[in-house]
Amino acid sequence: MTHTLTLAAGRRTVRVRSNSASVTDWAARYFGPYWRASPSTSAEGPTVTATDADHQAPAPLAHSQHAVFARERIGYTRHLDGTVTAQTLSDPALGYHYNPAEQHLAITSREDLTASSRPGRPTRLATATTRFAREMMRAQLIADGWVLLHASAVTFPGGRTLLALGDSGAGKTTTALTLATQGTALLANDCCFARPHPDGTLRLLPWPSAAAIGLGLLKALSLSTAAGHHLRTGEPPHPTQDQSVTDALVNGQVTPLRSESGRELKAHIWPEQLTRWLGLPLATSGTATAVLLPRITPSLTAPAGIDTSRDAHVTAEVFVASDTERYPDLFGFHNGSNAGMPNAQSAVLQHLNRLPRHAIRLGHNHEANREFLTTLSAPFVAPTLDDGQHHLRHGATKGSPGA
């Protein structure tokens, strides 16, 4: 029996097919909150076919090129006819065959991975299928002029969306999750798609991915107890979550943890767990209305507020950079343009810099951060007569319109 799932984002679709319900069930669970997942079989477009325990699959072969895709070492070969074959370099190996003419990726496992899977955790085949289906959708959206931003985002009534932009650790996640715990819909925890619309607005779509949330932030947002409860009931953690983080949540210890190198160790939460575990509403689309550029101050006593010492101009660093990609384009889905085409990036950057922009400072007092962000975003809460022109009117900074 073949199980089929169709994913839809923007005006594009990607199909997932498998002889194992565990594959399509996981894809529906993972993408469902953000990309419209349905059992429809009539949709056209790229397809991923995942076959579990395919004992007729070709034996593993040596490959001319190697890459690391989401921490998985993969050997691959691009053939003269345009097709690409690949295999994982860990056992049990997964085999790949991509036919660009048919936009079809076949993933095979020679062993029955379902039989050895842990309850609640996806099999390696289901994980691989989900990741490459997402890459296929990314390629479709990029072809339609979308670009991928490093951004957190929350969506208010009427689709009005507040973007938080900045480097890793700047406070994007803190900004978005603080507002999401107040009832605002979370559109992005780290990345989202953007594209100018003919009506003059900047449209946004989610990029489904696990959220990395520090234990201190989980505690401040009153979310650590819920996460610990689900882990104690036997639900497995995200496979990349450090065991010390799992142990801390299970035992109710939420002091921030760091690795030997000093890197903060965070909880990794799948998209569907953001709602089922943490009760956060999710948005499937939005319209960018204003931009925040947060920075968490190192001072323990500095208050949250508008940061007039910084320019609020948005630079090209906001785009996902291919050289730091955890998901290299092994099969040539989008010919290396992982973040979007240059002309599309330029158009989005110009639009971002036409929006109201605010450099803000967040402190270490969560309640103060919450009050500041709630006040700053107050104009978004109640629908207005002209949502398309609505914007923040609190504390314009240097570089913001009206400053």
Protein backbone atom coordinates (compact mmCIF):
# COMPACT_ATOMS: atom_id res chain seq x y z
CA MET A 1 0.00 0.00 0.00
CA THR A 2 1.27 3.47 -0.90
CA HIS A 3 0.66 6.35 1.49
CA THR A 4 0.59 9.85 -0.03
CA LEU A 5 0.81 13.31 1.50
CA THR A 6 0.75 16.68 -0.28
CA LEU A 7 2.47 19.74 1.18
CA ALA A 8 1.42 23.23 0.05
CA ALA A 9 3.12 26.58 0.62
CA GLY A 10 2.47 29.69 -1.42
CA ARG A 11 1.20 28.32 -4.72
CA ARG A 12 3.56 25.35 -4.77
CA THR A 13 3.14 21.71 -3.77
CA VAL A 14 5.44 18.79 -3.00
CA ARG A 15 4.23 15.21 -2.68
CA VAL A 16 5.55 12.60 -0.28
CA ARG A 17 4.86 8.93 -1.01
CA SER A 18 5.92 5.86 0.92
CA ASN A 19 5.14 2.21 1.54
CA SER A 20 5.45 3.02 5.25
CA ALA A 21 2.79 5.09 7.00
CA SER A 22 5.43 6.16 9.54
CA VAL A 23 7.04 8.32 6.81
CA THR A 24 3.94 10.22 5.71
CA ASP A 25 2.62 10.42 9.28
CA TRP A 26 5.83 12.09 10.40
CA ALA A 27 5.81 14.52 7.45
CA ALA A 28 2.21 15.47 8.28
CA ARG A 29 3.13 15.95 11.93
CA TYR A 30 6.24 17.99 11.13
CA PHE A 31 4.90 20.23 8.35
CA GLY A 32 1.21 20.31 9.17
CA PRO A 33 1.25 23.37 11.46
CA TYR A 34 3.14 25.52 8.91
CA TRP A 35 2.70 24.02 5.44
CA ARG A 36 -0.76 22.78 4.58
CA ALA A 37 -0.46 18.98 4.68
CA SER A 38 -3.27 16.87 3.18
CA PRO A 39 -3.71 13.31 1.92
CA SER A 40 -4.51 14.63 -1.57
CA THR A 41 -3.05 12.56 -4.42
CA SER A 42 -4.06 14.82 -7.31
CA ALA A 43 -1.46 17.56 -6.82
CA GLU A 44 1.31 17.94 -9.38
CA GLY A 45 4.90 18.90 -8.74
CA PRO A 46 8.08 17.45 -7.26
CA THR A 47 7.76 14.11 -5.50
CA VAL A 48 9.75 12.25 -2.86
CA THR A 49 9.18 8.50 -2.80
CA ALA A 50 10.50 6.72 0.29
CA THR A 51 10.70 2.93 0.29
CA ASP A 52 11.36 1.09 3.54
CA ALA A 53 12.96 -2.38 3.50
CA ASP A 54 13.54 -2.29 -0.27
CA HIS A 55 15.58 -5.45 -0.65
CA GLN A 56 15.74 -4.88 -4.40
CA ALA A 57 17.58 -1.58 -3.96
CA PRO A 58 21.02 -1.40 -5.58
CA ALA A 59 23.97 -2.26 -3.40
CA PRO A 60 25.95 0.73 -2.05
CA LEU A 61 28.55 2.18 -4.42
CA ALA A 62 31.56 4.44 -4.01
CA HIS A 63 30.89 8.10 -4.84
CA SER A 64 33.12 10.83 -6.20
CA GLN A 65 31.93 13.66 -3.94
CA HIS A 66 31.10 13.95 -0.26
CA ALA A 67 29.19 16.44 1.88
CA VAL A 68 27.63 16.78 5.31
CA PHE A 69 23.88 17.32 5.19
CA ALA A 70 22.31 18.05 8.61
CA ARG A 71 25.20 16.24 10.35
CA GLU A 72 24.82 13.21 8.05
CA ARG A 73 27.81 12.34 5.85
CA ILE A 74 26.64 11.60 2.32
CA GLY A 75 28.52 10.48 -0.77
CA TYR A 76 27.04 11.56 -4.09
CA THR A 77 27.69 11.50 -7.85
CA ARG A 78 26.28 13.78 -10.55
CA HIS A 79 25.91 11.83 -13.79
CA LEU A 80 26.16 13.05 -17.38
CA ASP A 81 22.43 12.52 -17.95
CA GLY A 82 21.65 14.96 -15.13
CA THR A 83 20.61 12.36 -12.60
CA VAL A 84 22.22 12.23 -9.16
CA THR A 85 22.81 9.16 -7.00
CA ALA A 86 23.86 9.26 -3.37
CA GLN A 87 24.03 7.27 -0.16
CA THR A 88 24.59 7.95 3.50
CA LEU A 89 27.95 6.83 4.86
CA SER A 90 26.51 5.45 8.08
CA ASP A 91 24.67 2.16 8.63
CA PRO A 92 22.04 1.28 7.80
CA ALA A 93 22.68 3.20 4.60
CA LEU A 94 19.99 5.18 2.81
CA GLY A 95 20.18 5.30 -0.98
CA TYR A 96 19.09 8.25 -3.14
CA HIS A 97 18.32 8.66 -6.84
CA TYR A 98 17.19 12.01 -8.23
CA ASN A 99 15.78 12.46 -11.74
CA PRO A 100 15.56 16.22 -12.46
CA ALA A 101 13.51 15.73 -15.63
CA GLU A 102 10.74 14.15 -13.55
CA GLN A 103 11.50 16.17 -10.39
CA HIS A 104 11.47 12.88 -8.55
CA LEU A 105 13.68 11.85 -5.63
CA ALA A 106 13.65 8.19 -4.61
CA ILE A 107 14.97 7.33 -1.14
CA THR A 108 15.43 3.69 -0.23
CA SER A 109 16.39 1.76 2.87
CA ARG A 110 17.52 -1.82 2.40
CA GLU A 111 16.56 -2.60 6.01
CA ASP A 112 13.24 -2.28 7.80
CA LEU A 113 13.82 0.91 9.80
CA THR A 114 10.27 1.01 11.17
CA ALA A 115 10.83 -2.19 13.14
CA SER A 116 13.77 -0.66 15.02
CA SER A 117 12.30 2.82 15.54
CA ARG A 118 11.56 4.37 18.93
CA PRO A 119 7.94 5.34 19.63
CA GLY A 120 7.36 9.02 18.95
CA ARG A 121 10.66 9.52 17.16
CA PRO A 122 10.91 9.50 13.35
CA THR A 123 12.91 6.79 11.61
CA ARG A 124 16.03 7.81 9.68
CA LEU A 125 14.03 7.29 6.49
CA ALA A 126 11.22 9.56 7.72
CA THR A 127 13.72 12.22 8.81
CA ALA A 128 15.56 12.13 5.47
CA THR A 129 12.29 12.27 3.54
CA THR A 130 11.10 15.27 5.51
CA ARG A 131 14.38 17.14 5.06
CA PHE A 132 14.56 16.63 1.31
CA ALA A 133 10.85 17.35 0.79
CA ARG A 134 11.52 20.66 2.53
CA GLU A 135 14.47 21.31 0.18
CA MET A 136 12.27 20.59 -2.82
CA MET A 137 9.72 23.08 -1.55
CA ARG A 138 12.46 25.63 -0.96
CA ALA A 139 13.55 25.24 -4.59
CA GLN A 140 9.97 25.74 -5.81
CA LEU A 141 9.51 28.89 -3.75
CA ILE A 142 12.87 30.32 -4.82
CA ALA A 143 11.83 29.74 -8.45
CA ASP A 144 8.74 31.83 -7.68
CA GLY A 145 10.85 34.75 -6.40
CA TRP A 146 10.86 34.04 -2.67
CA VAL A 147 14.02 34.54 -0.62
CA LEU A 148 14.99 33.04 2.74
CA LEU A 149 15.70 35.38 5.65
CA HIS A 150 17.34 34.81 9.02
CA ALA A 151 14.39 36.12 11.00
CA SER A 152 11.95 35.44 13.77
CA ALA A 153 8.42 36.66 13.17
CA VAL A 154 5.05 36.96 14.88
CA THR A 155 1.72 37.60 13.17
CA PHE A 156 -1.11 39.75 14.54
CA PRO A 157 -4.78 40.04 13.52
CA GLY A 158 -5.17 40.81 9.84
CA GLY A 159 -1.89 39.07 8.99
CA ARG A 160 0.26 42.03 10.07
CA THR A 161 3.66 40.60 10.92
CA LEU A 162 6.53 41.91 12.98
CA LEU A 163 9.99 40.72 11.88
CA ALA A 164 12.95 40.43 14.25
CA LEU A 165 16.27 40.43 12.37
CA GLY A 166 19.82 39.96 13.61
CA ASP A 167 22.77 37.66 14.11
CA SER A 168 22.61 34.48 16.16
CA GLY A 169 22.22 35.40 19.82
CA ALA A 170 20.97 38.91 19.09
CA GLY A 171 17.56 38.25 20.61
CA LYS A 172 15.36 37.28 17.63
CA THR A 173 13.97 34.20 19.36
CA THR A 174 13.52 36.05 22.65
CA THR A 175 11.54 38.75 20.85
CA ALA A 176 9.27 36.38 18.94
CA LEU A 177 8.62 33.89 21.73
CA THR A 178 7.95 36.64 24.27
CA LEU A 179 5.19 37.98 22.02
CA ALA A 180 3.95 34.49 21.07
CA THR A 181 3.38 33.62 24.72
CA GLN A 182 1.04 36.63 24.86
CA GLY A 183 -1.22 35.03 22.23
CA THR A 184 0.42 36.30 19.04
CA ALA A 185 0.89 33.65 16.31
CA LEU A 186 4.47 32.54 15.73
CA LEU A 187 5.36 32.56 12.03
CA ALA A 188 9.10 31.92 12.34
CA ASN A 189 11.55 31.07 15.08
CA ASP A 190 14.72 31.42 12.99
CA CYS A 191 14.02 31.69 9.24
CA CYS A 192 11.16 32.65 6.94
CA PHE A 193 10.51 33.29 3.24
CA ALA A 194 9.80 36.79 1.93
CA ARG A 195 8.62 38.12 -1.44
CA PRO A 196 7.32 41.52 -2.60
CA HIS A 197 3.70 41.43 -3.71
CA PRO A 198 2.26 43.53 -6.57
CA ASP A 199 0.10 45.39 -4.05
CA GLY A 200 3.26 46.89 -2.55
CA THR A 201 3.42 44.67 0.53
CA LEU A 202 6.06 42.15 1.56
CA ARG A 203 4.54 38.70 1.97
CA LEU A 204 5.98 36.07 4.32
CA LEU A 205 5.84 32.28 4.57
CA PRO A 206 7.22 30.01 7.30
CA TRP A 207 10.29 27.80 6.98
CA PRO A 208 9.48 24.78 9.19
CA SER A 209 12.38 23.94 11.51
CA ALA A 210 13.06 22.98 15.09
CA ALA A 211 13.31 25.90 17.51
CA ALA A 212 16.48 26.12 19.63
CA ILE A 213 15.48 27.67 22.97
CA GLY A 214 17.81 28.22 25.91
CA LEU A 215 16.78 26.82 29.29
CA GLY A 216 16.82 30.29 30.84
CA LEU A 217 14.40 31.59 28.21
CA LEU A 218 12.15 28.54 28.61
CA LYS A 219 12.00 29.23 32.33
CA ALA A 220 11.38 32.96 31.88
CA LEU A 221 8.51 32.21 29.47
CA SER A 222 7.05 29.62 31.90
CA LEU A 223 7.46 26.89 29.26
CA SER A 224 10.08 24.65 30.90
CA THR A 225 7.57 22.80 33.10
CA ALA A 226 5.47 21.75 30.08
CA ALA A 227 8.53 20.60 28.14
CA GLY A 228 9.79 18.61 31.12
CA HIS A 229 6.37 17.02 31.62
CA HIS A 230 6.25 15.67 28.06
CA LEU A 231 9.78 14.31 28.31
CA ARG A 232 8.99 12.61 31.62
CA THR A 233 5.97 10.87 30.07
CA GLY A 234 8.32 9.15 27.62
CA GLU A 235 8.18 11.38 24.56
CA PRO A 236 11.63 11.32 22.94
CA PRO A 237 13.64 14.53 22.61
CA HIS A 238 14.84 15.93 19.32
CA PRO A 239 17.79 13.73 18.22
CA THR A 240 20.22 16.68 18.19
CA GLN A 241 19.32 17.86 21.68
CA ASP A 242 22.19 17.38 24.11
CA GLN A 243 21.46 14.75 26.76
CA SER A 244 22.31 17.20 29.54
CA VAL A 245 19.49 19.46 28.35
CA THR A 246 17.03 16.56 28.37
CA ASP A 247 18.13 15.56 31.86
CA ALA A 248 17.81 19.13 33.12
CA LEU A 249 14.26 19.51 31.77
CA VAL A 250 13.19 16.12 33.15
CA ASN A 251 14.55 17.04 36.58
CA GLY A 252 13.17 20.57 36.57
CA GLN A 253 16.63 22.17 36.55
CA VAL A 254 16.56 25.14 34.20
CA THR A 255 19.85 26.87 34.89
CA PRO A 256 21.45 27.70 31.51
CA LEU A 257 23.90 25.04 30.34
CA ARG A 258 27.06 25.40 28.26
CA SER A 259 29.34 23.02 26.43
CA GLU A 260 33.04 22.73 27.16
CA SER A 261 33.67 25.28 24.41
CA GLY A 262 31.30 27.75 26.06
CA ARG A 263 28.43 27.36 23.59
CA GLU A 264 24.99 27.51 25.18
CA LEU A 265 23.17 24.19 25.07
CA LYS A 266 19.52 24.63 24.13
CA ALA A 267 16.31 22.65 23.99
CA HIS A 268 15.35 21.66 20.43
CA ILE A 269 11.61 21.76 19.86
CA TRP A 270 9.93 20.45 16.70
CA PRO A 271 7.34 22.77 15.06
CA GLU A 272 4.32 20.72 16.12
CA GLN A 273 5.65 20.62 19.69
CA LEU A 274 5.58 24.42 19.82
CA THR A 275 1.79 24.09 19.84
CA ARG A 276 1.20 20.67 21.42
CA TRP A 277 3.81 21.03 24.18
CA LEU A 278 4.07 24.76 24.69
CA GLY A 279 0.66 26.00 23.57
CA LEU A 280 2.03 28.54 21.07
CA PRO A 281 -0.24 29.39 18.10
CA LEU A 282 1.43 29.18 14.68
CA ALA A 283 0.83 31.32 11.57
CA THR A 284 0.93 29.97 8.00
CA SER A 285 1.51 33.35 6.28
CA GLY A 286 1.81 37.05 6.99
CA THR A 287 2.54 40.53 5.66
CA ALA A 288 5.63 42.33 6.97
CA THR A 289 4.59 45.58 8.64
CA ALA A 290 7.62 46.56 10.72
CA VAL A 291 11.13 45.41 11.57
CA LEU A 292 12.87 45.11 14.93
CA LEU A 293 16.63 44.72 15.27
CA PRO A 294 17.10 43.42 18.81
CA ARG A 295 20.24 43.17 20.86
CA ILE A 296 20.49 41.63 24.32
CA THR A 297 22.57 43.93 26.50
CA PRO A 298 25.37 42.34 28.53
CA SER A 299 24.45 44.52 31.51
CA LEU A 300 22.24 42.80 34.07
CA THR A 301 20.62 46.10 35.03
CA ALA A 302 20.12 47.85 31.66
CA PRO A 303 16.39 48.31 30.94
CA ALA A 304 14.61 47.18 27.78
CA GLY A 305 13.87 49.96 25.33
CA ILE A 306 14.58 51.69 22.03
CA ASP A 307 18.31 51.75 21.26
CA THR A 308 19.07 55.15 19.75
CA SER A 309 22.79 54.38 19.56
CA ARG A 310 22.36 51.97 16.63
CA ASP A 311 21.35 52.47 13.04
CA ALA A 312 18.27 50.49 12.05
CA HIS A 313 19.35 49.92 8.45
CA VAL A 314 18.91 46.31 7.24
CA THR A 315 21.88 44.82 5.35
CA ALA A 316 22.32 41.78 3.11
CA GLU A 317 23.52 39.78 6.12
CA VAL A 318 19.86 39.08 6.79
CA PHE A 319 19.81 36.49 3.99
CA VAL A 320 20.72 32.86 4.65
CA ALA A 321 24.29 32.42 3.43
CA SER A 322 25.09 29.35 1.35
CA ASP A 323 28.54 29.00 2.90
CA THR A 324 26.98 28.47 6.33
CA GLU A 325 24.18 26.21 5.07
CA ARG A 326 23.56 23.01 7.03
CA TYR A 327 21.64 21.77 3.99
CA PRO A 328 23.88 21.89 0.89
CA ASP A 329 22.14 21.49 -2.45
CA LEU A 330 23.35 17.94 -3.17
CA PHE A 331 20.85 17.22 -5.93
CA GLY A 332 20.82 20.61 -7.67
CA PHE A 333 17.24 21.43 -6.68
CA HIS A 334 17.94 25.17 -6.75
CA ASN A 335 21.42 25.30 -8.30
CA GLY A 336 23.06 26.66 -5.17
CA SER A 337 20.74 29.66 -4.77
CA ASN A 338 19.66 28.48 -1.33
CA ALA A 339 18.53 31.89 -0.09
CA GLY A 340 17.00 33.15 -3.36
CA MET A 341 18.03 34.84 -6.60
CA PRO A 342 20.14 38.04 -6.39
CA ASN A 343 17.49 40.27 -7.98
CA ALA A 344 14.86 38.91 -5.59
CA GLN A 345 17.17 39.51 -2.63
CA SER A 346 17.74 43.10 -3.75
CA ALA A 347 14.00 43.74 -4.02
CA VAL A 348 13.32 42.31 -0.56
CA LEU A 349 16.19 44.28 0.99
CA GLN A 350 14.85 47.52 -0.47
CA HIS A 351 11.40 46.72 0.86
CA LEU A 352 12.70 45.93 4.35
CA ASN A 353 14.41 49.30 4.46
CA ARG A 354 11.19 51.07 3.50
CA LEU A 355 9.35 49.57 6.47
CA PRO A 356 9.37 51.19 9.91
CA ARG A 357 12.48 49.87 11.66
CA HIS A 358 13.47 49.96 15.30
CA ALA A 359 16.74 49.03 16.91
CA ILE A 360 15.82 47.77 20.36
CA ARG A 361 17.61 46.74 23.51
CA LEU A 362 16.47 43.73 25.56
CA GLY A 363 17.64 43.19 29.11
CA HIS A 364 17.85 40.20 31.44
CA ASN A 365 14.56 40.97 33.16
CA HIS A 366 11.95 39.02 31.24
CA GLU A 367 9.00 40.86 32.73
CA ALA A 368 10.50 44.18 31.64
CA ASN A 369 11.14 42.78 28.15
CA ARG A 370 7.55 41.57 27.97
CA GLU A 371 6.09 44.90 29.00
CA PHE A 372 8.29 46.80 26.55
CA LEU A 373 7.53 44.50 23.59
CA THR A 374 3.82 44.41 24.40
CA THR A 375 3.67 48.21 24.44
CA LEU A 376 5.77 48.51 21.31
CA SER A 377 3.55 46.10 19.40
CA ALA A 378 0.23 47.45 20.75
CA PRO A 379 -0.79 49.03 17.40
CA PHE A 380 -0.79 45.54 15.86
CA VAL A 381 -3.28 44.03 18.28
CA ALA A 382 -6.49 45.75 17.19
CA PRO A 383 -7.39 45.61 13.46
CA THR A 384 -7.40 48.97 11.71
CA LEU A 385 -9.17 50.30 8.66
CA ASP A 386 -5.96 50.09 6.63
CA ASP A 387 -3.83 47.12 7.69
CA GLY A 388 -1.58 47.54 4.66
CA GLN A 389 -0.39 50.96 5.84
CA HIS A 390 -0.43 50.24 9.57
CA HIS A 391 2.91 50.44 11.37
CA LEU A 392 4.55 50.93 14.73
CA ARG A 393 4.47 54.51 15.97
CA HIS A 394 6.50 54.10 19.13
CA GLY A 395 10.03 55.44 19.36
CA ALA A 396 11.32 55.69 15.76
CA THR A 397 15.10 55.35 15.67
CA LYS A 398 17.77 56.75 13.43
CA GLY A 399 17.24 55.14 10.03
CA SER A 400 13.49 54.70 10.56
CA PRO A 401 10.94 56.57 8.46
CA GLY A 402 9.77 59.60 10.37
CA ALA A 403 12.88 59.80 12.53
